[in-house]
Amino acid sequence: MHYAILTYGSRGDVQPFIALALGLQQRGHQVTLAAAENFKAFVESYDVAFFPLRGSVEDLLHEPEAIALLKTGSAFTFIKHIQKTGDKTRPQINEGLLEVCKQADVLITSTLNLFYVASIAEKLDKRWAMIIPNPPATPTREFPFADLDFIDFPAYNFFSYRLLAALYWRAYKKRVNAFRGKICCICLMKPAHLHCIISVSN
């Protein structure tokens, strides 16, 4: 079985997936890990096949504006900034995702590629899953989603995850549907299509 592991971000978004790739390889599977091109040497040092995606989030994170936003502690403001900056390279990233996905049997994606990989999986009729190393995003009544922890009681806690999904989709809807049009898909994505989510918390 050939697995394509599709991630994007900083080292913290890549390193956990190297561990997953090594585990799959130990079980006899072929694995290709796709990530920002600056992680080529890092990934290949573990003898994991690497597919470069355009850009470097590491560079974006060290820009003065990004550093200032990180210091505010607001994940939503920071993500909005990354989203806006990433629009410049997203078309090339998506082309890379499509190329590597064509070669694999199963697709495993991180959060930032979620909607695009889901669209590709639908188009190519591939099995896929999403893994969120941290913070956990599987709806629970035990605690609210991070950054939405204004209050803490079961009904609200569960609702906070639904709210997150709606906000996330709203932020990416226009971009994703434009991409889906390019790969000749017919139906529009909706949050309900996020059917396979694995959440792992330290």
N, C-alpha and C. Protein backbone atom coordinates (compact mmCIF):
# COMPACT_ATOMS: atom_id res chain seq x y z
N MET A 1 0.85 -1.19 0.00
CA MET A 1 0.00 0.00 0.00
C MET A 1 0.89 1.24 0.00
N HIS A 2 0.54 2.21 -0.84
CA HIS A 2 1.31 3.45 -0.92
C HIS A 2 0.53 4.56 -0.22
N TYR A 3 1.11 5.10 0.85
CA TYR A 3 0.51 6.20 1.59
C TYR A 3 1.18 7.51 1.22
N ALA A 4 0.37 8.53 0.98
CA ALA A 4 0.88 9.89 0.82
C ALA A 4 0.51 10.66 2.08
N ILE A 5 1.51 11.12 2.80
CA ILE A 5 1.28 11.93 4.00
C ILE A 5 1.49 13.38 3.61
N LEU A 6 0.47 14.19 3.78
CA LEU A 6 0.44 15.54 3.23
C LEU A 6 0.33 16.56 4.36
N THR A 7 1.42 17.25 4.62
CA THR A 7 1.41 18.22 5.70
C THR A 7 2.01 19.53 5.21
N TYR A 8 1.83 20.56 6.00
CA TYR A 8 2.40 21.87 5.64
C TYR A 8 2.48 22.69 6.91
N GLY A 9 3.55 23.45 7.05
CA GLY A 9 3.69 24.28 8.23
C GLY A 9 5.13 24.33 8.69
N SER A 10 5.30 24.48 10.00
CA SER A 10 6.62 24.55 10.61
C SER A 10 7.10 23.13 10.94
N ARG A 11 8.25 23.05 11.58
CA ARG A 11 8.79 21.73 11.95
C ARG A 11 7.81 20.94 12.81
N GLY A 12 7.08 21.64 13.68
CA GLY A 12 6.11 20.97 14.53
C GLY A 12 4.97 20.34 13.76
N ASP A 13 4.75 20.80 12.52
CA ASP A 13 3.71 20.22 11.67
C ASP A 13 4.24 19.06 10.84
N VAL A 14 5.56 18.92 10.80
CA VAL A 14 6.18 17.90 9.96
C VAL A 14 6.70 16.72 10.77
N GLN A 15 7.38 17.00 11.88
CA GLN A 15 8.06 15.95 12.63
C GLN A 15 7.15 14.81 13.08
N PRO A 16 5.93 15.07 13.59
CA PRO A 16 5.07 13.94 13.98
C PRO A 16 4.73 13.02 12.83
N PHE A 17 4.68 13.57 11.62
CA PHE A 17 4.32 12.75 10.47
C PHE A 17 5.50 11.91 9.97
N ILE A 18 6.71 12.32 10.33
CA ILE A 18 7.87 11.46 10.05
C ILE A 18 7.76 10.19 10.88
N ALA A 19 7.36 10.34 12.14
CA ALA A 19 7.16 9.17 13.01
C ALA A 19 6.09 8.25 12.42
N LEU A 20 5.01 8.83 11.92
CA LEU A 20 3.95 8.04 11.30
C LEU A 20 4.48 7.33 10.06
N ALA A 21 5.25 8.04 9.25
CA ALA A 21 5.82 7.45 8.03
C ALA A 21 6.73 6.26 8.36
N LEU A 22 7.55 6.42 9.40
CA LEU A 22 8.45 5.33 9.79
C LEU A 22 7.66 4.12 10.28
N GLY A 23 6.58 4.38 11.01
CA GLY A 23 5.74 3.28 11.48
C GLY A 23 5.09 2.53 10.33
N LEU A 24 4.63 3.26 9.35
CA LEU A 24 4.01 2.62 8.18
C LEU A 24 5.04 1.83 7.37
N GLN A 25 6.24 2.39 7.26
CA GLN A 25 7.30 1.69 6.52
C GLN A 25 7.71 0.40 7.23
N GLN A 26 7.73 0.42 8.54
CA GLN A 26 8.06 -0.78 9.31
C GLN A 26 7.05 -1.89 9.08
N ARG A 27 5.84 -1.49 8.71
CA ARG A 27 4.79 -2.47 8.43
C ARG A 27 4.74 -2.86 6.96
N GLY A 28 5.74 -2.44 6.22
CA GLY A 28 5.88 -2.88 4.83
C GLY A 28 5.21 -1.99 3.80
N HIS A 29 4.73 -0.81 4.20
CA HIS A 29 4.07 0.08 3.26
C HIS A 29 5.07 1.05 2.62
N GLN A 30 4.72 1.51 1.45
CA GLN A 30 5.48 2.58 0.80
C GLN A 30 4.89 3.92 1.25
N VAL A 31 5.75 4.87 1.56
CA VAL A 31 5.29 6.16 2.07
C VAL A 31 6.00 7.30 1.35
N THR A 32 5.23 8.31 0.98
CA THR A 32 5.78 9.57 0.49
C THR A 32 5.26 10.68 1.36
N LEU A 33 6.16 11.46 1.92
CA LEU A 33 5.77 12.57 2.78
C LEU A 33 5.93 13.86 2.01
N ALA A 34 4.84 14.60 1.84
CA ALA A 34 4.87 15.89 1.15
C ALA A 34 4.81 17.00 2.17
N ALA A 35 5.74 17.94 2.07
CA ALA A 35 5.79 19.07 3.00
C ALA A 35 6.49 20.23 2.30
N ALA A 36 6.56 21.37 2.98
CA ALA A 36 7.24 22.53 2.41
C ALA A 36 8.66 22.16 2.01
N GLU A 37 9.12 22.72 0.90
CA GLU A 37 10.37 22.30 0.29
C GLU A 37 11.59 22.44 1.19
N ASN A 38 11.52 23.31 2.20
CA ASN A 38 12.68 23.50 3.08
C ASN A 38 12.92 22.32 4.03
N PHE A 39 11.99 21.35 4.07
CA PHE A 39 12.15 20.19 4.94
C PHE A 39 12.71 18.97 4.22
N LYS A 40 13.16 19.12 3.01
CA LYS A 40 13.66 18.00 2.22
C LYS A 40 14.77 17.23 2.95
N ALA A 41 15.82 17.93 3.37
CA ALA A 41 16.95 17.27 4.02
C ALA A 41 16.52 16.62 5.34
N PHE A 42 15.65 17.30 6.08
CA PHE A 42 15.19 16.79 7.37
C PHE A 42 14.43 15.48 7.20
N VAL A 43 13.49 15.44 6.27
CA VAL A 43 12.68 14.24 6.06
C VAL A 43 13.53 13.10 5.50
N GLU A 44 14.34 13.41 4.51
CA GLU A 44 15.14 12.36 3.86
C GLU A 44 16.21 11.80 4.78
N SER A 45 16.58 12.54 5.84
CA SER A 45 17.57 12.02 6.78
C SER A 45 17.03 10.81 7.54
N TYR A 46 15.71 10.60 7.52
CA TYR A 46 15.08 9.45 8.15
C TYR A 46 14.76 8.35 7.12
N ASP A 47 15.30 8.51 5.91
CA ASP A 47 15.05 7.55 4.83
C ASP A 47 13.56 7.45 4.49
N VAL A 48 12.91 8.59 4.50
CA VAL A 48 11.50 8.69 4.09
C VAL A 48 11.47 9.45 2.76
N ALA A 49 10.76 8.92 1.78
CA ALA A 49 10.64 9.58 0.48
C ALA A 49 9.95 10.92 0.65
N PHE A 50 10.49 11.94 0.01
CA PHE A 50 9.98 13.31 0.20
C PHE A 50 9.48 13.89 -1.10
N PHE A 51 8.34 14.60 -1.01
CA PHE A 51 7.81 15.34 -2.15
C PHE A 51 7.72 16.81 -1.75
N PRO A 52 8.45 17.71 -2.43
CA PRO A 52 8.47 19.11 -2.02
C PRO A 52 7.22 19.88 -2.45
N LEU A 53 6.67 20.63 -1.51
CA LEU A 53 5.57 21.56 -1.80
C LEU A 53 6.12 22.98 -1.75
N ARG A 54 5.63 23.83 -2.60
CA ARG A 54 6.17 25.18 -2.76
C ARG A 54 6.12 25.99 -1.46
N GLY A 55 7.19 26.71 -1.17
CA GLY A 55 7.18 27.67 -0.07
C GLY A 55 7.84 27.18 1.21
N SER A 56 7.89 28.07 2.20
CA SER A 56 8.48 27.78 3.49
C SER A 56 7.75 28.56 4.58
N VAL A 57 7.00 27.86 5.40
CA VAL A 57 6.30 28.50 6.51
C VAL A 57 7.30 29.00 7.54
N GLU A 58 8.44 28.32 7.64
CA GLU A 58 9.48 28.76 8.57
C GLU A 58 9.89 30.20 8.28
N ASP A 59 10.02 30.52 6.99
CA ASP A 59 10.38 31.89 6.61
C ASP A 59 9.28 32.87 6.99
N LEU A 60 8.02 32.46 6.77
CA LEU A 60 6.89 33.33 7.10
C LEU A 60 6.81 33.60 8.60
N LEU A 61 7.13 32.59 9.39
CA LEU A 61 7.03 32.71 10.84
C LEU A 61 8.06 33.68 11.42
N HIS A 62 9.15 33.88 10.68
CA HIS A 62 10.21 34.75 11.17
C HIS A 62 10.10 36.18 10.65
N GLU A 63 9.04 36.46 9.91
CA GLU A 63 8.81 37.84 9.48
C GLU A 63 8.31 38.66 10.67
N PRO A 64 8.69 39.95 10.76
CA PRO A 64 8.30 40.80 11.90
C PRO A 64 6.80 40.80 12.19
N GLU A 65 5.97 40.87 11.14
CA GLU A 65 4.52 40.91 11.35
C GLU A 65 4.02 39.62 11.99
N ALA A 66 4.56 38.48 11.54
CA ALA A 66 4.15 37.19 12.09
C ALA A 66 4.57 37.06 13.56
N ILE A 67 5.77 37.51 13.87
CA ILE A 67 6.26 37.44 15.25
C ILE A 67 5.39 38.28 16.17
N ALA A 68 5.01 39.47 15.69
CA ALA A 68 4.16 40.35 16.49
C ALA A 68 2.79 39.70 16.75
N LEU A 69 2.24 39.04 15.74
CA LEU A 69 0.94 38.38 15.90
C LEU A 69 1.03 37.19 16.85
N LEU A 70 2.13 36.46 16.80
CA LEU A 70 2.32 35.34 17.71
C LEU A 70 2.33 35.80 19.17
N LYS A 71 2.91 36.97 19.39
CA LYS A 71 3.01 37.49 20.75
C LYS A 71 1.65 37.90 21.32
N THR A 72 0.67 38.14 20.45
CA THR A 72 -0.66 38.50 20.94
C THR A 72 -1.38 37.30 21.54
N GLY A 73 -0.97 36.10 21.15
CA GLY A 73 -1.60 34.90 21.68
C GLY A 73 -2.91 34.54 21.01
N SER A 74 -3.30 35.26 19.97
CA SER A 74 -4.55 34.99 19.26
C SER A 74 -4.30 34.07 18.07
N ALA A 75 -4.73 32.83 18.20
CA ALA A 75 -4.52 31.87 17.12
C ALA A 75 -5.29 32.26 15.87
N PHE A 76 -6.50 32.81 16.04
CA PHE A 76 -7.33 33.15 14.89
C PHE A 76 -6.71 34.28 14.06
N THR A 77 -6.18 35.30 14.74
CA THR A 77 -5.54 36.40 14.02
C THR A 77 -4.31 35.92 13.28
N PHE A 78 -3.56 35.05 13.93
CA PHE A 78 -2.35 34.53 13.32
C PHE A 78 -2.67 33.66 12.10
N ILE A 79 -3.67 32.80 12.25
CA ILE A 79 -4.06 31.92 11.13
C ILE A 79 -4.56 32.75 9.95
N LYS A 80 -5.30 33.81 10.22
CA LYS A 80 -5.78 34.69 9.15
C LYS A 80 -4.61 35.31 8.39
N HIS A 81 -3.58 35.70 9.13
CA HIS A 81 -2.39 36.28 8.49
C HIS A 81 -1.69 35.23 7.61
N ILE A 82 -1.52 34.03 8.15
CA ILE A 82 -0.87 32.95 7.39
C ILE A 82 -1.68 32.61 6.15
N GLN A 83 -3.00 32.60 6.30
CA GLN A 83 -3.89 32.31 5.17
C GLN A 83 -3.70 33.33 4.06
N LYS A 84 -3.69 34.61 4.43
CA LYS A 84 -3.54 35.68 3.45
C LYS A 84 -2.18 35.61 2.76
N THR A 85 -1.14 35.39 3.54
CA THR A 85 0.21 35.30 2.98
C THR A 85 0.35 34.07 2.10
N GLY A 86 -0.27 32.97 2.54
CA GLY A 86 -0.17 31.72 1.81
C GLY A 86 -0.91 31.71 0.48
N ASP A 87 -1.81 32.65 0.28
CA ASP A 87 -2.53 32.72 -1.00
C ASP A 87 -1.59 32.87 -2.18
N LYS A 88 -0.42 33.43 -1.94
CA LYS A 88 0.54 33.66 -3.02
C LYS A 88 1.09 32.35 -3.58
N THR A 89 1.26 31.37 -2.71
CA THR A 89 1.85 30.10 -3.15
C THR A 89 0.84 28.94 -3.17
N ARG A 90 -0.38 29.17 -2.70
CA ARG A 90 -1.36 28.08 -2.63
C ARG A 90 -1.62 27.40 -3.96
N PRO A 91 -1.73 28.12 -5.09
CA PRO A 91 -1.95 27.41 -6.36
C PRO A 91 -0.85 26.40 -6.67
N GLN A 92 0.42 26.78 -6.42
CA GLN A 92 1.53 25.86 -6.66
C GLN A 92 1.53 24.70 -5.67
N ILE A 93 1.14 25.00 -4.42
CA ILE A 93 1.04 23.94 -3.41
C ILE A 93 -0.02 22.93 -3.82
N ASN A 94 -1.16 23.41 -4.28
CA ASN A 94 -2.24 22.51 -4.69
C ASN A 94 -1.86 21.66 -5.89
N GLU A 95 -1.10 22.23 -6.81
CA GLU A 95 -0.62 21.45 -7.95
C GLU A 95 0.27 20.31 -7.46
N GLY A 96 1.11 20.60 -6.48
CA GLY A 96 1.96 19.56 -5.92
C GLY A 96 1.15 18.49 -5.20
N LEU A 97 0.15 18.92 -4.43
CA LEU A 97 -0.71 17.96 -3.74
C LEU A 97 -1.40 17.02 -4.72
N LEU A 98 -1.91 17.58 -5.79
CA LEU A 98 -2.61 16.77 -6.79
C LEU A 98 -1.65 15.76 -7.42
N GLU A 99 -0.43 16.20 -7.70
CA GLU A 99 0.55 15.32 -8.33
C GLU A 99 0.91 14.15 -7.43
N VAL A 100 1.22 14.43 -6.16
CA VAL A 100 1.63 13.35 -5.26
C VAL A 100 0.46 12.44 -4.91
N CYS A 101 -0.74 12.98 -4.83
CA CYS A 101 -1.92 12.17 -4.51
C CYS A 101 -2.23 11.17 -5.60
N LYS A 102 -1.95 11.51 -6.84
CA LYS A 102 -2.20 10.61 -7.96
C LYS A 102 -1.39 9.32 -7.83
N GLN A 103 -0.24 9.41 -7.15
CA GLN A 103 0.66 8.27 -7.05
C GLN A 103 0.34 7.34 -5.90
N ALA A 104 -0.53 7.76 -4.98
CA ALA A 104 -0.76 7.01 -3.74
C ALA A 104 -2.10 6.29 -3.72
N ASP A 105 -2.21 5.34 -2.80
CA ASP A 105 -3.46 4.60 -2.60
C ASP A 105 -4.30 5.22 -1.49
N VAL A 106 -3.63 5.73 -0.45
CA VAL A 106 -4.31 6.32 0.70
C VAL A 106 -3.67 7.67 1.01
N LEU A 107 -4.50 8.65 1.33
CA LEU A 107 -4.03 10.00 1.62
C LEU A 107 -4.23 10.31 3.10
N ILE A 108 -3.20 10.85 3.73
CA ILE A 108 -3.29 11.28 5.13
C ILE A 108 -2.87 12.75 5.18
N THR A 109 -3.75 13.59 5.68
CA THR A 109 -3.48 15.03 5.64
C THR A 109 -3.48 15.67 7.02
N SER A 110 -2.77 16.77 7.12
CA SER A 110 -2.83 17.60 8.32
C SER A 110 -3.88 18.68 8.09
N THR A 111 -4.06 19.57 9.07
CA THR A 111 -5.15 20.54 9.04
C THR A 111 -5.08 21.50 7.85
N LEU A 112 -3.91 22.08 7.59
CA LEU A 112 -3.81 23.16 6.60
C LEU A 112 -4.14 22.72 5.18
N ASN A 113 -4.00 21.42 4.90
CA ASN A 113 -4.32 20.93 3.56
C ASN A 113 -5.70 20.27 3.49
N LEU A 114 -6.42 20.31 4.59
CA LEU A 114 -7.64 19.51 4.75
C LEU A 114 -8.61 19.58 3.58
N PHE A 115 -9.13 20.76 3.29
CA PHE A 115 -10.18 20.88 2.27
C PHE A 115 -9.66 20.52 0.88
N TYR A 116 -8.41 20.84 0.61
CA TYR A 116 -7.85 20.57 -0.71
C TYR A 116 -7.64 19.06 -0.90
N VAL A 117 -7.13 18.40 0.12
CA VAL A 117 -6.92 16.96 0.03
C VAL A 117 -8.26 16.23 -0.04
N ALA A 118 -9.26 16.70 0.73
CA ALA A 118 -10.59 16.09 0.66
C ALA A 118 -11.16 16.20 -0.76
N SER A 119 -10.93 17.33 -1.39
CA SER A 119 -11.41 17.54 -2.75
C SER A 119 -10.69 16.61 -3.73
N ILE A 120 -9.38 16.50 -3.57
CA ILE A 120 -8.59 15.63 -4.44
C ILE A 120 -9.01 14.17 -4.25
N ALA A 121 -9.20 13.78 -2.98
CA ALA A 121 -9.61 12.40 -2.70
C ALA A 121 -10.94 12.08 -3.35
N GLU A 122 -11.86 13.03 -3.31
CA GLU A 122 -13.16 12.83 -3.95
C GLU A 122 -13.01 12.68 -5.46
N LYS A 123 -12.20 13.55 -6.04
CA LYS A 123 -12.01 13.53 -7.48
C LYS A 123 -11.33 12.24 -7.95
N LEU A 124 -10.30 11.80 -7.21
CA LEU A 124 -9.53 10.63 -7.60
C LEU A 124 -10.05 9.33 -7.00
N ASP A 125 -11.13 9.43 -6.20
CA ASP A 125 -11.72 8.28 -5.54
C ASP A 125 -10.70 7.54 -4.67
N LYS A 126 -10.03 8.33 -3.80
CA LYS A 126 -9.01 7.77 -2.91
C LYS A 126 -9.52 7.77 -1.47
N ARG A 127 -9.07 6.81 -0.69
CA ARG A 127 -9.35 6.83 0.73
C ARG A 127 -8.46 7.87 1.40
N TRP A 128 -9.00 8.54 2.43
CA TRP A 128 -8.19 9.58 3.08
C TRP A 128 -8.56 9.71 4.55
N ALA A 129 -7.66 10.29 5.29
CA ALA A 129 -7.88 10.56 6.71
C ALA A 129 -7.18 11.85 7.08
N MET A 130 -7.63 12.45 8.16
CA MET A 130 -7.00 13.68 8.67
C MET A 130 -6.48 13.41 10.07
N ILE A 131 -5.28 13.89 10.34
CA ILE A 131 -4.69 13.75 11.66
C ILE A 131 -4.38 15.12 12.22
N ILE A 132 -4.83 15.39 13.44
CA ILE A 132 -4.55 16.65 14.12
C ILE A 132 -3.69 16.34 15.34
N PRO A 133 -2.38 16.56 15.26
CA PRO A 133 -1.52 16.25 16.42
C PRO A 133 -1.92 17.04 17.67
N ASN A 134 -2.27 18.32 17.51
CA ASN A 134 -2.59 19.15 18.66
C ASN A 134 -3.03 20.52 18.15
N PRO A 135 -4.03 21.16 18.72
CA PRO A 135 -4.87 20.69 19.84
C PRO A 135 -5.95 19.74 19.34
N PRO A 136 -6.52 18.93 20.23
CA PRO A 136 -7.57 18.00 19.82
C PRO A 136 -8.77 18.75 19.24
N ALA A 137 -9.34 18.22 18.18
CA ALA A 137 -10.48 18.89 17.53
C ALA A 137 -11.69 17.99 17.41
N THR A 138 -11.63 16.81 17.99
CA THR A 138 -12.80 15.94 18.01
C THR A 138 -13.80 16.48 19.03
N PRO A 139 -15.05 16.75 18.64
CA PRO A 139 -16.02 17.33 19.57
C PRO A 139 -16.15 16.54 20.87
N THR A 140 -16.11 17.25 21.97
CA THR A 140 -16.26 16.64 23.29
C THR A 140 -16.98 17.60 24.23
N ARG A 141 -17.64 17.05 25.23
CA ARG A 141 -18.30 17.88 26.23
C ARG A 141 -17.39 18.15 27.44
N GLU A 142 -16.21 17.55 27.42
CA GLU A 142 -15.31 17.65 28.57
C GLU A 142 -14.63 19.00 28.67
N PHE A 143 -14.29 19.60 27.54
CA PHE A 143 -13.62 20.91 27.54
C PHE A 143 -13.85 21.58 26.19
N PRO A 144 -13.82 22.91 26.15
CA PRO A 144 -14.03 23.63 24.89
C PRO A 144 -12.78 23.60 24.02
N PHE A 145 -12.95 23.96 22.76
CA PHE A 145 -11.80 24.04 21.87
C PHE A 145 -10.88 25.17 22.32
N ALA A 146 -9.58 24.97 22.13
CA ALA A 146 -8.60 25.98 22.50
C ALA A 146 -8.91 27.30 21.81
N ASP A 147 -8.76 28.39 22.52
CA ASP A 147 -9.05 29.75 22.06
C ASP A 147 -10.54 30.08 22.07
N LEU A 148 -11.38 29.08 22.40
CA LEU A 148 -12.81 29.33 22.58
C LEU A 148 -13.21 29.00 24.01
N ASP A 149 -12.22 29.01 24.90
CA ASP A 149 -12.45 28.61 26.29
C ASP A 149 -12.87 29.78 27.17
N PHE A 150 -13.83 30.56 26.69
CA PHE A 150 -14.35 31.69 27.48
C PHE A 150 -15.17 31.19 28.65
N ILE A 151 -15.89 30.11 28.42
CA ILE A 151 -16.69 29.47 29.47
C ILE A 151 -16.48 27.97 29.35
N ASP A 152 -16.96 27.23 30.33
CA ASP A 152 -16.71 25.79 30.34
C ASP A 152 -17.90 25.05 30.95
N PHE A 153 -18.80 24.59 30.08
CA PHE A 153 -19.85 23.67 30.51
C PHE A 153 -20.21 22.78 29.32
N PRO A 154 -20.70 21.57 29.54
CA PRO A 154 -20.81 20.55 28.50
C PRO A 154 -21.43 20.99 27.19
N ALA A 155 -22.59 21.64 27.21
CA ALA A 155 -23.26 22.01 25.96
C ALA A 155 -22.42 22.99 25.15
N TYR A 156 -21.86 23.98 25.83
CA TYR A 156 -21.01 24.96 25.13
C TYR A 156 -19.74 24.30 24.62
N ASN A 157 -19.15 23.44 25.43
CA ASN A 157 -17.90 22.79 25.02
C ASN A 157 -18.09 22.06 23.70
N PHE A 158 -19.17 21.29 23.60
CA PHE A 158 -19.45 20.55 22.36
C PHE A 158 -19.70 21.51 21.20
N PHE A 159 -20.46 22.57 21.48
CA PHE A 159 -20.78 23.56 20.45
C PHE A 159 -19.54 24.27 19.92
N SER A 160 -18.53 24.48 20.77
CA SER A 160 -17.34 25.22 20.36
C SER A 160 -16.62 24.54 19.20
N TYR A 161 -16.67 23.22 19.12
CA TYR A 161 -16.02 22.49 18.02
C TYR A 161 -16.83 22.65 16.73
N ARG A 162 -18.14 22.66 16.86
CA ARG A 162 -19.00 22.88 15.70
C ARG A 162 -18.80 24.31 15.16
N LEU A 163 -18.66 25.24 16.08
CA LEU A 163 -18.43 26.62 15.69
C LEU A 163 -17.10 26.75 14.96
N LEU A 164 -16.08 26.08 15.48
CA LEU A 164 -14.77 26.11 14.83
C LEU A 164 -14.86 25.60 13.40
N ALA A 165 -15.55 24.46 13.21
CA ALA A 165 -15.68 23.88 11.87
C ALA A 165 -16.37 24.86 10.92
N ALA A 166 -17.41 25.53 11.42
CA ALA A 166 -18.14 26.49 10.58
C ALA A 166 -17.27 27.69 10.22
N LEU A 167 -16.52 28.20 11.19
CA LEU A 167 -15.64 29.35 10.93
C LEU A 167 -14.50 28.97 9.98
N TYR A 168 -13.97 27.78 10.17
CA TYR A 168 -12.86 27.32 9.32
C TYR A 168 -13.33 27.17 7.88
N TRP A 169 -14.54 26.59 7.73
CA TRP A 169 -15.08 26.43 6.38
C TRP A 169 -15.37 27.78 5.74
N ARG A 170 -15.92 28.70 6.52
CA ARG A 170 -16.23 30.03 5.99
C ARG A 170 -14.97 30.73 5.48
N ALA A 171 -13.88 30.55 6.20
CA ALA A 171 -12.62 31.20 5.83
C ALA A 171 -12.04 30.62 4.54
N TYR A 172 -12.31 29.34 4.29
CA TYR A 172 -11.68 28.68 3.13
C TYR A 172 -12.64 28.37 1.99
N LYS A 173 -13.92 28.60 2.19
CA LYS A 173 -14.94 28.18 1.22
C LYS A 173 -14.65 28.68 -0.21
N LYS A 174 -14.41 29.97 -0.35
CA LYS A 174 -14.20 30.54 -1.68
C LYS A 174 -12.97 29.95 -2.34
N ARG A 175 -11.89 29.83 -1.59
CA ARG A 175 -10.65 29.30 -2.14
C ARG A 175 -10.80 27.84 -2.56
N VAL A 176 -11.47 27.06 -1.70
CA VAL A 176 -11.60 25.63 -1.96
C VAL A 176 -12.51 25.36 -3.15
N ASN A 177 -13.62 26.06 -3.24
CA ASN A 177 -14.53 25.84 -4.36
C ASN A 177 -13.90 26.26 -5.70
N ALA A 178 -13.04 27.27 -5.66
CA ALA A 178 -12.30 27.65 -6.87
C ALA A 178 -11.36 26.52 -7.28
N PHE A 179 -10.71 25.91 -6.29
CA PHE A 179 -9.81 24.79 -6.57
C PHE A 179 -10.60 23.59 -7.09
N ARG A 180 -11.74 23.32 -6.47
CA ARG A 180 -12.56 22.19 -6.91
C ARG A 180 -13.03 22.37 -8.35
N GLY A 181 -13.29 23.63 -8.71
CA GLY A 181 -13.66 23.90 -10.09
C GLY A 181 -12.54 23.55 -11.05
N LYS A 182 -11.31 23.79 -10.63
CA LYS A 182 -10.15 23.52 -11.48
C LYS A 182 -9.92 22.03 -11.69
N ILE A 183 -10.29 21.23 -10.70
CA ILE A 183 -10.09 19.79 -10.87
C ILE A 183 -11.38 19.10 -11.32
N CYS A 184 -12.30 19.94 -11.83
CA CYS A 184 -13.51 19.43 -12.49
C CYS A 184 -14.43 18.64 -11.56
N CYS A 185 -14.54 19.07 -10.30
CA CYS A 185 -15.50 18.44 -9.39
C CYS A 185 -16.85 19.13 -9.57
N ILE A 186 -17.91 18.44 -9.29
CA ILE A 186 -19.25 18.98 -9.49
C ILE A 186 -19.84 19.56 -8.22
N CYS A 187 -19.82 18.79 -7.12
CA CYS A 187 -20.52 19.23 -5.92
C CYS A 187 -19.63 20.12 -5.05
N LEU A 188 -20.27 20.95 -4.23
CA LEU A 188 -19.55 21.85 -3.33
C LEU A 188 -19.23 21.14 -2.03
N MET A 189 -18.09 21.49 -1.44
CA MET A 189 -17.73 20.95 -0.13
C MET A 189 -18.58 21.59 0.95
N LYS A 190 -18.89 20.83 1.97
CA LYS A 190 -19.56 21.33 3.15
C LYS A 190 -18.85 20.72 4.37
N PRO A 191 -18.97 21.34 5.55
CA PRO A 191 -18.30 20.80 6.72
C PRO A 191 -18.65 19.34 7.00
N ALA A 192 -19.85 18.91 6.60
CA ALA A 192 -20.27 17.54 6.86
C ALA A 192 -19.39 16.52 6.15
N HIS A 193 -18.65 16.95 5.13
CA HIS A 193 -17.80 16.03 4.39
C HIS A 193 -16.51 15.70 5.14
N LEU A 194 -16.26 16.34 6.26
CA LEU A 194 -15.06 16.05 7.03
C LEU A 194 -15.33 14.79 7.83
N HIS A 195 -15.23 13.64 7.16
CA HIS A 195 -15.75 12.41 7.72
C HIS A 195 -14.72 11.58 8.44
N CYS A 196 -13.46 11.85 8.29
CA CYS A 196 -12.45 10.97 8.89
C CYS A 196 -11.40 11.82 9.57
N ILE A 197 -11.54 12.00 10.86
CA ILE A 197 -10.63 12.86 11.61
C ILE A 197 -10.01 12.08 12.77
N ILE A 198 -8.69 12.09 12.84
CA ILE A 198 -7.99 11.47 13.94
C ILE A 198 -7.32 12.57 14.72
N SER A 199 -7.65 12.69 15.98
CA SER A 199 -7.08 13.77 16.81
C SER A 199 -6.18 13.16 17.87
N VAL A 200 -4.95 13.63 17.94
CA VAL A 200 -3.99 13.10 18.89
C VAL A 200 -3.47 14.24 19.74
N SER A 201 -3.53 14.10 21.04
CA SER A 201 -3.05 15.13 21.95
C SER A 201 -1.97 14.57 22.86
N ASN A 202 -0.95 15.37 23.12
CA ASN A 202 0.12 14.93 24.03
C ASN A 202 -0.38 14.98 25.48
